Amino acid sequence: MRNPAHYCGIYAHKPSWGLIPTRGHSPTGALTPTDISVVGPMARDAQDLDLALRVLAGPDLLQQPGWRVELPPPRHRRLGDFRVAICTQSPLCEIDASVAERFAATVAVLRSAGATVDDTARLPLGDAEHQRLFMLLLRAATASRMSDQDFAAQQAIAATLSADDTSSRAAVARGATLHHRGWGSANEARTACAMPGAVSSSALTYC
């Protein structure tokens, strides 16, 4: 949702995993939801996202007998009541000066509206490590969609990689051929990212 919305200048909402059924979304006709991958609403107005989300959210066929969705109301409605974390500097994704100007203008609007803006808030994980974890889990998730031929090619690439190879080619091959034990460790590290103070060196040894 984020990329098409960004390209088209519209609003989008990426919901929590599992909130909206993905059945029927895959061109392959897959029935099983894939890790990381979610679907969500896009609209011309932010308020329409709430309406669309409430229409789309709910359990899929297999979950319907056991659970239901009750979305809570928004925590706030005034911009000034929100806390906003700002991050505009990262060695992994430099931004153009024109984009930086728009960020600065947006931050100024947030502050003038009374929102609490923090430009020092960061995840308890460095940018490079966060990207490595994301790419590993992402490529592990998309591997199930590969043909046998493409998967074999990734296995061949993975067998030739050195430990210090951090290229995109290496990231795809490592994730696509990740053993389930390695995925479990990566999933543990991902969970720890959402729990301040929970990240440990053992949680990060996932590949």
N, C-alpha and C. Protein backbone atom coordinates (compact mmCIF):
# COMPACT_ATOMS: atom_id res chain seq x y z
N MET A 1 0.82 -1.21 0.00
CA MET A 1 0.00 0.00 0.00
C MET A 1 0.86 1.26 0.00
N ARG A 2 1.97 1.23 0.73
CA ARG A 2 2.74 2.46 0.89
C ARG A 2 3.35 2.93 -0.42
N ASN A 3 3.91 1.99 -1.20
CA ASN A 3 4.52 2.41 -2.45
C ASN A 3 3.51 2.95 -3.46
N PRO A 4 2.44 2.22 -3.77
CA PRO A 4 1.49 2.80 -4.73
C PRO A 4 0.88 4.11 -4.25
N ALA A 5 0.60 4.21 -2.95
CA ALA A 5 0.04 5.45 -2.43
C ALA A 5 1.04 6.59 -2.58
N HIS A 6 2.31 6.31 -2.30
CA HIS A 6 3.36 7.32 -2.43
C HIS A 6 3.49 7.79 -3.87
N TYR A 7 3.44 6.83 -4.80
CA TYR A 7 3.60 7.18 -6.20
C TYR A 7 2.42 7.98 -6.74
N CYS A 8 1.24 7.74 -6.17
CA CYS A 8 0.02 8.35 -6.70
C CYS A 8 -0.47 9.56 -5.89
N GLY A 9 0.17 9.83 -4.77
CA GLY A 9 -0.23 10.98 -3.97
C GLY A 9 -1.55 10.78 -3.24
N ILE A 10 -1.83 9.55 -2.80
CA ILE A 10 -3.06 9.29 -2.05
C ILE A 10 -2.72 8.71 -0.68
N TYR A 11 -3.72 8.48 0.13
CA TYR A 11 -3.54 7.94 1.47
C TYR A 11 -3.63 6.41 1.44
N ALA A 12 -2.89 5.79 2.35
CA ALA A 12 -2.95 4.33 2.48
C ALA A 12 -2.70 3.95 3.92
N HIS A 13 -3.19 2.80 4.31
CA HIS A 13 -2.98 2.30 5.67
C HIS A 13 -2.49 0.86 5.59
N LYS A 14 -1.32 0.59 6.18
CA LYS A 14 -0.80 -0.76 6.26
C LYS A 14 -1.21 -1.33 7.62
N PRO A 15 -2.19 -2.22 7.66
CA PRO A 15 -2.71 -2.71 8.94
C PRO A 15 -1.82 -3.77 9.56
N SER A 16 -2.10 -4.11 10.79
CA SER A 16 -1.39 -5.20 11.46
C SER A 16 -1.61 -6.49 10.68
N TRP A 17 -0.60 -7.37 10.74
CA TRP A 17 -0.66 -8.62 10.01
C TRP A 17 -1.86 -9.46 10.45
N GLY A 18 -2.60 -9.97 9.48
CA GLY A 18 -3.73 -10.84 9.78
C GLY A 18 -5.05 -10.13 9.97
N LEU A 19 -5.04 -8.79 10.03
CA LEU A 19 -6.29 -8.06 10.29
C LEU A 19 -7.24 -8.13 9.09
N ILE A 20 -6.68 -8.11 7.89
CA ILE A 20 -7.49 -8.20 6.66
C ILE A 20 -7.11 -9.48 5.92
N PRO A 21 -8.06 -10.33 5.57
CA PRO A 21 -7.74 -11.57 4.85
C PRO A 21 -7.04 -11.28 3.53
N THR A 22 -6.04 -12.10 3.21
CA THR A 22 -5.32 -11.92 1.94
C THR A 22 -5.79 -12.91 0.88
N ARG A 23 -6.72 -13.77 1.22
CA ARG A 23 -7.22 -14.76 0.26
C ARG A 23 -7.83 -14.06 -0.94
N GLY A 24 -7.42 -14.48 -2.13
CA GLY A 24 -7.90 -13.84 -3.35
C GLY A 24 -6.99 -12.74 -3.85
N HIS A 25 -6.00 -12.36 -3.04
CA HIS A 25 -5.11 -11.27 -3.43
C HIS A 25 -3.95 -11.76 -4.28
N SER A 26 -3.51 -13.00 -4.05
CA SER A 26 -2.35 -13.53 -4.77
C SER A 26 -2.75 -14.03 -6.15
N PRO A 27 -1.97 -13.65 -7.18
CA PRO A 27 -2.25 -14.15 -8.54
C PRO A 27 -2.18 -15.67 -8.64
N THR A 28 -1.44 -16.30 -7.71
CA THR A 28 -1.29 -17.76 -7.76
C THR A 28 -2.50 -18.48 -7.17
N GLY A 29 -3.39 -17.71 -6.51
CA GLY A 29 -4.55 -18.34 -5.87
C GLY A 29 -4.22 -18.99 -4.54
N ALA A 30 -3.07 -18.62 -3.94
CA ALA A 30 -2.66 -19.20 -2.67
C ALA A 30 -3.69 -18.93 -1.58
N LEU A 31 -3.93 -19.93 -0.73
CA LEU A 31 -4.91 -19.80 0.35
C LEU A 31 -4.26 -19.36 1.67
N THR A 32 -2.98 -19.65 1.83
CA THR A 32 -2.31 -19.39 3.10
C THR A 32 -1.69 -18.00 3.11
N PRO A 33 -1.94 -17.21 4.14
CA PRO A 33 -1.30 -15.88 4.23
C PRO A 33 0.21 -16.03 4.40
N THR A 34 0.94 -15.08 3.84
CA THR A 34 2.40 -15.09 3.89
C THR A 34 2.89 -14.14 4.96
N ASP A 35 3.91 -14.53 5.70
CA ASP A 35 4.50 -13.66 6.70
C ASP A 35 4.90 -12.31 6.09
N ILE A 36 4.72 -11.24 6.86
CA ILE A 36 5.05 -9.86 6.48
C ILE A 36 4.01 -9.26 5.53
N SER A 37 3.61 -10.00 4.51
CA SER A 37 2.72 -9.46 3.50
C SER A 37 1.32 -9.20 4.06
N VAL A 38 0.82 -7.98 3.85
CA VAL A 38 -0.54 -7.63 4.26
C VAL A 38 -1.20 -6.84 3.13
N VAL A 39 -2.51 -6.73 3.21
CA VAL A 39 -3.28 -5.88 2.28
C VAL A 39 -4.03 -4.86 3.10
N GLY A 40 -4.34 -3.73 2.48
CA GLY A 40 -5.03 -2.67 3.23
C GLY A 40 -5.66 -1.66 2.30
N PRO A 41 -6.38 -0.71 2.86
CA PRO A 41 -7.12 0.27 2.06
C PRO A 41 -6.25 1.41 1.55
N MET A 42 -6.65 1.96 0.41
CA MET A 42 -6.09 3.20 -0.13
C MET A 42 -7.26 4.11 -0.48
N ALA A 43 -7.08 5.41 -0.27
CA ALA A 43 -8.19 6.34 -0.49
C ALA A 43 -7.66 7.74 -0.76
N ARG A 44 -8.54 8.60 -1.23
CA ARG A 44 -8.15 9.99 -1.49
C ARG A 44 -8.16 10.83 -0.22
N ASP A 45 -8.83 10.35 0.82
CA ASP A 45 -8.97 11.10 2.06
C ASP A 45 -8.62 10.19 3.23
N ALA A 46 -7.92 10.73 4.23
CA ALA A 46 -7.50 9.93 5.37
C ALA A 46 -8.69 9.37 6.14
N GLN A 47 -9.77 10.14 6.23
CA GLN A 47 -10.94 9.67 6.96
C GLN A 47 -11.58 8.46 6.29
N ASP A 48 -11.44 8.37 4.97
CA ASP A 48 -12.01 7.22 4.26
C ASP A 48 -11.27 5.93 4.58
N LEU A 49 -10.01 6.04 5.02
CA LEU A 49 -9.26 4.85 5.38
C LEU A 49 -9.91 4.12 6.54
N ASP A 50 -10.43 4.88 7.50
CA ASP A 50 -11.09 4.27 8.66
C ASP A 50 -12.32 3.48 8.23
N LEU A 51 -13.11 4.07 7.35
CA LEU A 51 -14.32 3.40 6.86
C LEU A 51 -13.94 2.14 6.09
N ALA A 52 -12.97 2.26 5.19
CA ALA A 52 -12.57 1.11 4.38
C ALA A 52 -11.98 0.00 5.24
N LEU A 53 -11.19 0.37 6.24
CA LEU A 53 -10.59 -0.64 7.10
C LEU A 53 -11.65 -1.44 7.84
N ARG A 54 -12.68 -0.76 8.31
CA ARG A 54 -13.74 -1.44 9.06
C ARG A 54 -14.58 -2.35 8.15
N VAL A 55 -14.62 -2.03 6.87
CA VAL A 55 -15.32 -2.89 5.92
C VAL A 55 -14.48 -4.14 5.60
N LEU A 56 -13.19 -3.95 5.47
CA LEU A 56 -12.31 -5.03 5.03
C LEU A 56 -11.86 -5.95 6.17
N ALA A 57 -11.73 -5.42 7.37
CA ALA A 57 -11.16 -6.19 8.48
C ALA A 57 -12.08 -7.31 8.93
N GLY A 58 -11.47 -8.40 9.35
CA GLY A 58 -12.25 -9.52 9.85
C GLY A 58 -11.54 -10.83 9.61
N PRO A 59 -11.99 -11.89 10.26
CA PRO A 59 -11.36 -13.20 10.09
C PRO A 59 -11.66 -13.81 8.72
N ASP A 60 -10.71 -14.59 8.23
CA ASP A 60 -10.93 -15.35 7.00
C ASP A 60 -11.79 -16.57 7.32
N LEU A 61 -12.09 -17.36 6.32
CA LEU A 61 -13.02 -18.48 6.50
C LEU A 61 -12.62 -19.42 7.63
N LEU A 62 -11.34 -19.78 7.71
CA LEU A 62 -10.91 -20.74 8.72
C LEU A 62 -10.96 -20.16 10.13
N GLN A 63 -10.84 -18.83 10.26
CA GLN A 63 -10.83 -18.21 11.58
C GLN A 63 -12.22 -17.79 12.07
N GLN A 64 -13.18 -17.72 11.17
CA GLN A 64 -14.49 -17.18 11.52
C GLN A 64 -15.16 -17.87 12.71
N PRO A 65 -15.04 -19.20 12.88
CA PRO A 65 -15.71 -19.83 14.02
C PRO A 65 -15.06 -19.47 15.36
N GLY A 66 -13.80 -18.99 15.34
CA GLY A 66 -13.08 -18.83 16.60
C GLY A 66 -12.85 -17.41 17.08
N TRP A 67 -12.88 -16.43 16.19
CA TRP A 67 -12.60 -15.08 16.67
C TRP A 67 -13.29 -14.03 15.81
N ARG A 68 -13.33 -12.82 16.32
CA ARG A 68 -13.93 -11.70 15.61
C ARG A 68 -13.10 -10.46 15.86
N VAL A 69 -13.31 -9.44 15.05
CA VAL A 69 -12.54 -8.20 15.15
C VAL A 69 -13.41 -7.10 15.75
N GLU A 70 -12.88 -6.42 16.76
CA GLU A 70 -13.52 -5.24 17.33
C GLU A 70 -12.48 -4.12 17.36
N LEU A 71 -12.45 -3.31 16.34
CA LEU A 71 -11.46 -2.25 16.23
C LEU A 71 -11.74 -1.15 17.25
N PRO A 72 -10.75 -0.75 18.02
CA PRO A 72 -10.95 0.33 18.98
C PRO A 72 -11.06 1.66 18.25
N PRO A 73 -11.66 2.67 18.87
CA PRO A 73 -11.72 3.99 18.25
C PRO A 73 -10.33 4.63 18.24
N PRO A 74 -10.13 5.66 17.43
CA PRO A 74 -8.83 6.35 17.42
C PRO A 74 -8.48 6.88 18.81
N ARG A 75 -7.21 6.80 19.16
CA ARG A 75 -6.78 7.30 20.47
C ARG A 75 -6.95 8.81 20.57
N HIS A 76 -6.75 9.49 19.46
CA HIS A 76 -6.89 10.95 19.44
C HIS A 76 -7.52 11.37 18.11
N ARG A 77 -8.07 12.55 18.08
CA ARG A 77 -8.60 13.11 16.84
C ARG A 77 -7.97 14.46 16.51
N ARG A 78 -7.38 15.11 17.51
CA ARG A 78 -6.69 16.37 17.29
C ARG A 78 -5.20 16.10 17.05
N LEU A 79 -4.64 16.72 16.03
CA LEU A 79 -3.24 16.53 15.71
C LEU A 79 -2.34 16.88 16.90
N GLY A 80 -2.75 17.89 17.65
CA GLY A 80 -1.95 18.34 18.78
C GLY A 80 -1.86 17.34 19.92
N ASP A 81 -2.70 16.33 19.91
CA ASP A 81 -2.69 15.33 20.99
C ASP A 81 -1.76 14.15 20.69
N PHE A 82 -1.17 14.12 19.52
CA PHE A 82 -0.34 12.98 19.13
C PHE A 82 1.13 13.20 19.47
N ARG A 83 1.83 12.08 19.66
CA ARG A 83 3.29 12.08 19.75
C ARG A 83 3.83 11.59 18.42
N VAL A 84 4.82 12.27 17.88
CA VAL A 84 5.34 11.95 16.55
C VAL A 84 6.85 11.80 16.62
N ALA A 85 7.35 10.66 16.14
CA ALA A 85 8.79 10.42 16.04
C ALA A 85 9.26 10.78 14.64
N ILE A 86 10.34 11.52 14.55
CA ILE A 86 10.87 11.99 13.28
C ILE A 86 12.27 11.42 13.06
N CYS A 87 12.50 10.84 11.90
CA CYS A 87 13.84 10.37 11.54
C CYS A 87 14.09 10.73 10.09
N THR A 88 14.96 11.67 9.84
CA THR A 88 15.25 12.12 8.48
C THR A 88 16.68 11.84 8.06
N GLN A 89 17.47 11.25 8.95
CA GLN A 89 18.87 10.99 8.64
C GLN A 89 19.18 9.50 8.83
N SER A 90 19.64 8.86 7.78
CA SER A 90 20.06 7.47 7.85
C SER A 90 21.10 7.21 6.77
N PRO A 91 22.20 6.55 7.12
CA PRO A 91 23.21 6.24 6.10
C PRO A 91 22.70 5.28 5.03
N LEU A 92 21.59 4.62 5.31
CA LEU A 92 21.05 3.64 4.36
C LEU A 92 20.13 4.26 3.32
N CYS A 93 19.62 5.45 3.61
CA CYS A 93 18.65 6.04 2.67
C CYS A 93 18.76 7.56 2.70
N GLU A 94 19.73 8.08 2.00
CA GLU A 94 19.87 9.52 1.90
C GLU A 94 18.71 10.09 1.09
N ILE A 95 18.30 11.29 1.44
CA ILE A 95 17.16 11.90 0.75
C ILE A 95 17.61 13.17 0.04
N ASP A 96 16.91 13.49 -1.05
CA ASP A 96 17.19 14.67 -1.83
C ASP A 96 16.85 15.93 -1.04
N ALA A 97 17.50 17.02 -1.36
CA ALA A 97 17.26 18.28 -0.65
C ALA A 97 15.80 18.72 -0.74
N SER A 98 15.18 18.49 -1.90
CA SER A 98 13.78 18.90 -2.05
C SER A 98 12.86 18.10 -1.13
N VAL A 99 13.20 16.81 -0.93
CA VAL A 99 12.42 15.98 -0.02
C VAL A 99 12.65 16.43 1.42
N ALA A 100 13.90 16.74 1.75
CA ALA A 100 14.23 17.21 3.09
C ALA A 100 13.47 18.50 3.43
N GLU A 101 13.29 19.34 2.45
CA GLU A 101 12.53 20.58 2.67
C GLU A 101 11.08 20.28 3.02
N ARG A 102 10.50 19.28 2.34
CA ARG A 102 9.11 18.93 2.62
C ARG A 102 8.99 18.30 4.02
N PHE A 103 9.99 17.50 4.40
CA PHE A 103 10.00 16.95 5.76
C PHE A 103 10.02 18.08 6.78
N ALA A 104 10.91 19.04 6.56
CA ALA A 104 11.04 20.15 7.51
C ALA A 104 9.74 20.94 7.61
N ALA A 105 9.08 21.15 6.48
CA ALA A 105 7.81 21.88 6.48
C ALA A 105 6.74 21.10 7.24
N THR A 106 6.73 19.78 7.05
CA THR A 106 5.75 18.94 7.75
C THR A 106 5.98 18.96 9.26
N VAL A 107 7.24 18.86 9.66
CA VAL A 107 7.57 18.91 11.08
C VAL A 107 7.15 20.24 11.69
N ALA A 108 7.34 21.32 10.96
CA ALA A 108 6.95 22.64 11.44
C ALA A 108 5.44 22.71 11.66
N VAL A 109 4.68 22.12 10.75
CA VAL A 109 3.22 22.10 10.89
C VAL A 109 2.81 21.29 12.11
N LEU A 110 3.44 20.15 12.31
CA LEU A 110 3.13 19.31 13.47
C LEU A 110 3.38 20.06 14.77
N ARG A 111 4.52 20.73 14.84
CA ARG A 111 4.86 21.47 16.06
C ARG A 111 3.89 22.63 16.28
N SER A 112 3.55 23.33 15.20
CA SER A 112 2.63 24.46 15.35
C SER A 112 1.24 24.02 15.77
N ALA A 113 0.89 22.76 15.44
CA ALA A 113 -0.41 22.22 15.84
C ALA A 113 -0.41 21.73 17.28
N GLY A 114 0.77 21.72 17.91
CA GLY A 114 0.85 21.31 19.31
C GLY A 114 1.25 19.87 19.54
N ALA A 115 1.56 19.15 18.47
CA ALA A 115 1.96 17.75 18.63
C ALA A 115 3.33 17.68 19.32
N THR A 116 3.54 16.60 20.07
CA THR A 116 4.83 16.36 20.71
C THR A 116 5.74 15.68 19.69
N VAL A 117 6.76 16.38 19.25
CA VAL A 117 7.65 15.89 18.20
C VAL A 117 9.00 15.53 18.80
N ASP A 118 9.46 14.32 18.53
CA ASP A 118 10.74 13.84 19.04
C ASP A 118 11.60 13.41 17.86
N ASP A 119 12.70 14.12 17.62
CA ASP A 119 13.57 13.76 16.51
C ASP A 119 14.77 12.94 16.95
N THR A 120 14.72 12.42 18.19
CA THR A 120 15.80 11.56 18.68
C THR A 120 15.33 10.12 18.91
N ALA A 121 14.03 9.87 18.85
CA ALA A 121 13.50 8.52 19.10
C ALA A 121 13.99 7.56 18.03
N ARG A 122 14.51 6.42 18.46
CA ARG A 122 15.02 5.43 17.52
C ARG A 122 14.70 4.03 18.03
N LEU A 123 14.60 3.08 17.11
CA LEU A 123 14.45 1.69 17.48
C LEU A 123 15.70 1.22 18.22
N PRO A 124 15.58 0.22 19.09
CA PRO A 124 16.75 -0.29 19.82
C PRO A 124 17.60 -1.21 18.94
N LEU A 125 17.76 -0.82 17.67
CA LEU A 125 18.49 -1.63 16.71
C LEU A 125 19.02 -0.68 15.64
N GLY A 126 20.30 -0.82 15.28
CA GLY A 126 20.87 0.06 14.27
C GLY A 126 20.21 -0.10 12.92
N ASP A 127 20.32 0.94 12.09
CA ASP A 127 19.69 0.92 10.78
C ASP A 127 20.14 -0.28 9.94
N ALA A 128 21.45 -0.53 9.93
CA ALA A 128 21.97 -1.62 9.10
C ALA A 128 21.46 -2.97 9.59
N GLU A 129 21.42 -3.16 10.91
CA GLU A 129 20.95 -4.43 11.46
C GLU A 129 19.45 -4.59 11.23
N HIS A 130 18.72 -3.50 11.36
CA HIS A 130 17.28 -3.53 11.11
C HIS A 130 16.99 -3.91 9.66
N GLN A 131 17.74 -3.32 8.73
CA GLN A 131 17.56 -3.63 7.31
C GLN A 131 17.90 -5.08 7.02
N ARG A 132 18.98 -5.58 7.63
CA ARG A 132 19.37 -6.97 7.41
C ARG A 132 18.28 -7.93 7.90
N LEU A 133 17.72 -7.63 9.07
CA LEU A 133 16.65 -8.47 9.61
C LEU A 133 15.42 -8.43 8.72
N PHE A 134 15.04 -7.23 8.28
CA PHE A 134 13.87 -7.08 7.42
C PHE A 134 14.03 -7.84 6.11
N MET A 135 15.18 -7.68 5.46
CA MET A 135 15.39 -8.33 4.18
C MET A 135 15.42 -9.85 4.33
N LEU A 136 15.97 -10.33 5.42
CA LEU A 136 16.01 -11.78 5.65
C LEU A 136 14.59 -12.34 5.76
N LEU A 137 13.75 -11.68 6.57
CA LEU A 137 12.38 -12.15 6.76
C LEU A 137 11.53 -11.95 5.49
N LEU A 138 11.77 -10.84 4.80
CA LEU A 138 11.01 -10.57 3.58
C LEU A 138 11.29 -11.62 2.51
N ARG A 139 12.56 -11.91 2.28
CA ARG A 139 12.90 -12.87 1.24
C ARG A 139 12.54 -14.30 1.64
N ALA A 140 12.55 -14.58 2.93
CA ALA A 140 12.08 -15.89 3.38
C ALA A 140 10.58 -16.03 3.10
N ALA A 141 9.84 -14.93 3.27
CA ALA A 141 8.40 -14.95 3.04
C ALA A 141 8.06 -15.13 1.57
N THR A 142 8.83 -14.48 0.70
CA THR A 142 8.50 -14.54 -0.73
C THR A 142 9.05 -15.79 -1.41
N ALA A 143 9.89 -16.56 -0.70
CA ALA A 143 10.48 -17.76 -1.32
C ALA A 143 9.43 -18.79 -1.71
N SER A 144 8.32 -18.84 -0.95
CA SER A 144 7.30 -19.84 -1.25
C SER A 144 6.62 -19.58 -2.59
N ARG A 145 6.78 -18.38 -3.12
CA ARG A 145 6.16 -18.04 -4.41
C ARG A 145 7.10 -18.33 -5.58
N MET A 146 8.34 -18.71 -5.27
CA MET A 146 9.31 -18.99 -6.33
C MET A 146 9.03 -20.31 -7.01
N SER A 147 9.40 -20.39 -8.27
CA SER A 147 9.33 -21.67 -8.97
C SER A 147 10.48 -22.55 -8.47
N ASP A 148 10.39 -23.85 -8.72
CA ASP A 148 11.46 -24.75 -8.30
C ASP A 148 12.79 -24.35 -8.94
N GLN A 149 12.73 -23.89 -10.17
CA GLN A 149 13.95 -23.49 -10.87
C GLN A 149 14.58 -22.26 -10.22
N ASP A 150 13.75 -21.27 -9.90
CA ASP A 150 14.27 -20.06 -9.28
C ASP A 150 14.81 -20.34 -7.88
N PHE A 151 14.13 -21.22 -7.14
CA PHE A 151 14.61 -21.56 -5.80
C PHE A 151 15.96 -22.28 -5.87
N ALA A 152 16.11 -23.17 -6.83
CA ALA A 152 17.38 -23.88 -7.00
C ALA A 152 18.51 -22.89 -7.32
N ALA A 153 18.18 -21.86 -8.10
CA ALA A 153 19.18 -20.85 -8.43
C ALA A 153 19.61 -20.09 -7.17
N GLN A 154 18.66 -19.79 -6.28
CA GLN A 154 19.00 -19.10 -5.04
C GLN A 154 19.83 -19.98 -4.12
N GLN A 155 19.55 -21.27 -4.11
CA GLN A 155 20.36 -22.20 -3.33
C GLN A 155 21.80 -22.22 -3.83
N ALA A 156 21.97 -22.18 -5.14
CA ALA A 156 23.31 -22.19 -5.72
C ALA A 156 24.06 -20.92 -5.35
N ILE A 157 23.36 -19.79 -5.37
CA ILE A 157 23.99 -18.52 -4.99
C ILE A 157 24.38 -18.54 -3.52
N ALA A 158 23.47 -18.99 -2.66
CA ALA A 158 23.71 -19.01 -1.22
C ALA A 158 24.93 -19.84 -0.87
N ALA A 159 25.17 -20.90 -1.61
CA ALA A 159 26.30 -21.79 -1.34
C ALA A 159 27.64 -21.13 -1.62
N THR A 160 27.65 -20.04 -2.37
CA THR A 160 28.91 -19.38 -2.74
C THR A 160 29.18 -18.11 -1.94
N LEU A 161 28.25 -17.71 -1.07
CA LEU A 161 28.37 -16.41 -0.39
C LEU A 161 29.40 -16.46 0.74
N SER A 162 30.14 -15.37 0.86
CA SER A 162 31.05 -15.21 2.00
C SER A 162 30.28 -14.55 3.14
N ALA A 163 30.77 -14.70 4.35
CA ALA A 163 30.07 -14.18 5.53
C ALA A 163 29.96 -12.67 5.50
N ASP A 164 30.90 -11.99 4.82
CA ASP A 164 30.89 -10.53 4.82
C ASP A 164 30.19 -9.94 3.59
N ASP A 165 29.54 -10.76 2.80
CA ASP A 165 28.82 -10.28 1.63
C ASP A 165 27.48 -9.69 2.06
N THR A 166 27.32 -8.38 1.93
CA THR A 166 26.09 -7.69 2.34
C THR A 166 25.33 -7.13 1.14
N SER A 167 25.60 -7.65 -0.03
CA SER A 167 24.94 -7.17 -1.24
C SER A 167 23.47 -7.57 -1.27
N SER A 168 22.72 -6.90 -2.14
CA SER A 168 21.30 -7.24 -2.30
C SER A 168 21.15 -8.67 -2.80
N ARG A 169 22.04 -9.09 -3.68
CA ARG A 169 22.03 -10.46 -4.21
C ARG A 169 22.18 -11.46 -3.07
N ALA A 170 23.07 -11.16 -2.13
CA ALA A 170 23.28 -12.06 -1.00
C ALA A 170 22.07 -12.06 -0.07
N ALA A 171 21.46 -10.89 0.13
CA ALA A 171 20.29 -10.80 1.02
C ALA A 171 19.14 -11.65 0.50
N VAL A 172 18.91 -11.62 -0.81
CA VAL A 172 17.83 -12.40 -1.40
C VAL A 172 18.11 -13.89 -1.23
N ALA A 173 19.34 -14.31 -1.54
CA ALA A 173 19.68 -15.73 -1.47
C ALA A 173 19.63 -16.26 -0.04
N ARG A 174 20.13 -15.47 0.92
CA ARG A 174 20.11 -15.92 2.32
C ARG A 174 18.67 -16.06 2.82
N GLY A 175 17.84 -15.09 2.51
CA GLY A 175 16.46 -15.16 2.98
C GLY A 175 15.68 -16.28 2.32
N ALA A 176 15.85 -16.43 1.02
CA ALA A 176 15.10 -17.43 0.27
C ALA A 176 15.44 -18.85 0.71
N THR A 177 16.66 -19.06 1.20
CA THR A 177 17.09 -20.41 1.56
C THR A 177 17.25 -20.58 3.07
N LEU A 178 16.67 -19.68 3.83
CA LEU A 178 16.81 -19.70 5.29
C LEU A 178 16.16 -20.97 5.88
N HIS A 179 16.89 -21.67 6.74
CA HIS A 179 16.33 -22.82 7.44
C HIS A 179 15.29 -22.34 8.46
N HIS A 180 14.37 -23.21 8.81
CA HIS A 180 13.31 -22.79 9.72
C HIS A 180 13.86 -22.37 11.08
N ARG A 181 14.91 -23.00 11.55
CA ARG A 181 15.52 -22.60 12.83
C ARG A 181 16.03 -21.16 12.74
N GLY A 182 16.64 -20.82 11.60
CA GLY A 182 17.11 -19.46 11.41
C GLY A 182 15.96 -18.47 11.36
N TRP A 183 14.84 -18.89 10.72
CA TRP A 183 13.67 -18.02 10.67
C TRP A 183 13.14 -17.79 12.09
N GLY A 184 13.13 -18.84 12.92
CA GLY A 184 12.66 -18.69 14.29
C GLY A 184 13.48 -17.69 15.06
N SER A 185 14.79 -17.70 14.88
CA SER A 185 15.66 -16.74 15.55
C SER A 185 15.41 -15.32 15.03
N ALA A 186 15.21 -15.19 13.71
CA ALA A 186 14.93 -13.88 13.14
C ALA A 186 13.59 -13.35 13.62
N ASN A 187 12.61 -14.23 13.72
CA ASN A 187 11.30 -13.83 14.22
C ASN A 187 11.38 -13.37 15.67
N GLU A 188 12.22 -14.03 16.47
CA GLU A 188 12.43 -13.63 17.85
C GLU A 188 13.04 -12.22 17.92
N ALA A 189 14.02 -11.97 17.05
CA ALA A 189 14.64 -10.65 17.01
C ALA A 189 13.63 -9.59 16.59
N ARG A 190 12.76 -9.91 15.65
CA ARG A 190 11.72 -8.97 15.22
C ARG A 190 10.79 -8.64 16.37
N THR A 191 10.36 -9.66 17.11
CA THR A 191 9.47 -9.43 18.25
C THR A 191 10.15 -8.56 19.30
N ALA A 192 11.44 -8.81 19.53
CA ALA A 192 12.16 -8.02 20.52
C ALA A 192 12.26 -6.55 20.12
N CYS A 193 12.24 -6.25 18.81
CA CYS A 193 12.28 -4.86 18.36
C CYS A 193 11.09 -4.06 18.87
N ALA A 194 9.96 -4.72 19.06
CA ALA A 194 8.75 -4.05 19.51
C ALA A 194 8.67 -3.95 21.03
N MET A 195 9.68 -4.49 21.71
CA MET A 195 9.68 -4.49 23.17
C MET A 195 10.95 -3.83 23.66
N PRO A 196 10.91 -2.52 23.99
CA PRO A 196 12.10 -1.78 24.41
C PRO A 196 12.85 -2.50 25.52
N GLY A 197 14.16 -2.63 25.33
CA GLY A 197 14.99 -3.26 26.34
C GLY A 197 15.07 -4.77 26.21
N ALA A 198 14.33 -5.33 25.25
CA ALA A 198 14.28 -6.80 25.14
C ALA A 198 15.30 -7.34 24.15
N VAL A 199 15.92 -6.50 23.35
CA VAL A 199 16.87 -6.97 22.34
C VAL A 199 18.16 -7.40 23.02
N SER A 200 18.58 -8.61 22.77
CA SER A 200 19.83 -9.12 23.33
C SER A 200 20.70 -9.64 22.21
N SER A 201 21.99 -9.84 22.49
CA SER A 201 22.90 -10.32 21.46
C SER A 201 22.47 -11.71 20.96
N SER A 202 21.91 -12.50 21.84
CA SER A 202 21.48 -13.84 21.43
C SER A 202 20.31 -13.78 20.47
N ALA A 203 19.45 -12.76 20.64
CA ALA A 203 18.29 -12.63 19.75
C ALA A 203 18.70 -12.21 18.34
N LEU A 204 19.90 -11.66 18.20
CA LEU A 204 20.31 -11.15 16.90
C LEU A 204 21.15 -12.13 16.11
N THR A 205 21.48 -13.27 16.68
CA THR A 205 22.27 -14.27 15.94
C THR A 205 21.33 -15.18 15.17
N TYR A 206 20.72 -14.64 14.14
CA TYR A 206 19.66 -15.36 13.45
C TYR A 206 20.08 -15.91 12.10
N CYS A 207 21.31 -15.75 11.70
CA CYS A 207 21.73 -16.35 10.43
C CYS A 207 23.23 -16.55 10.45
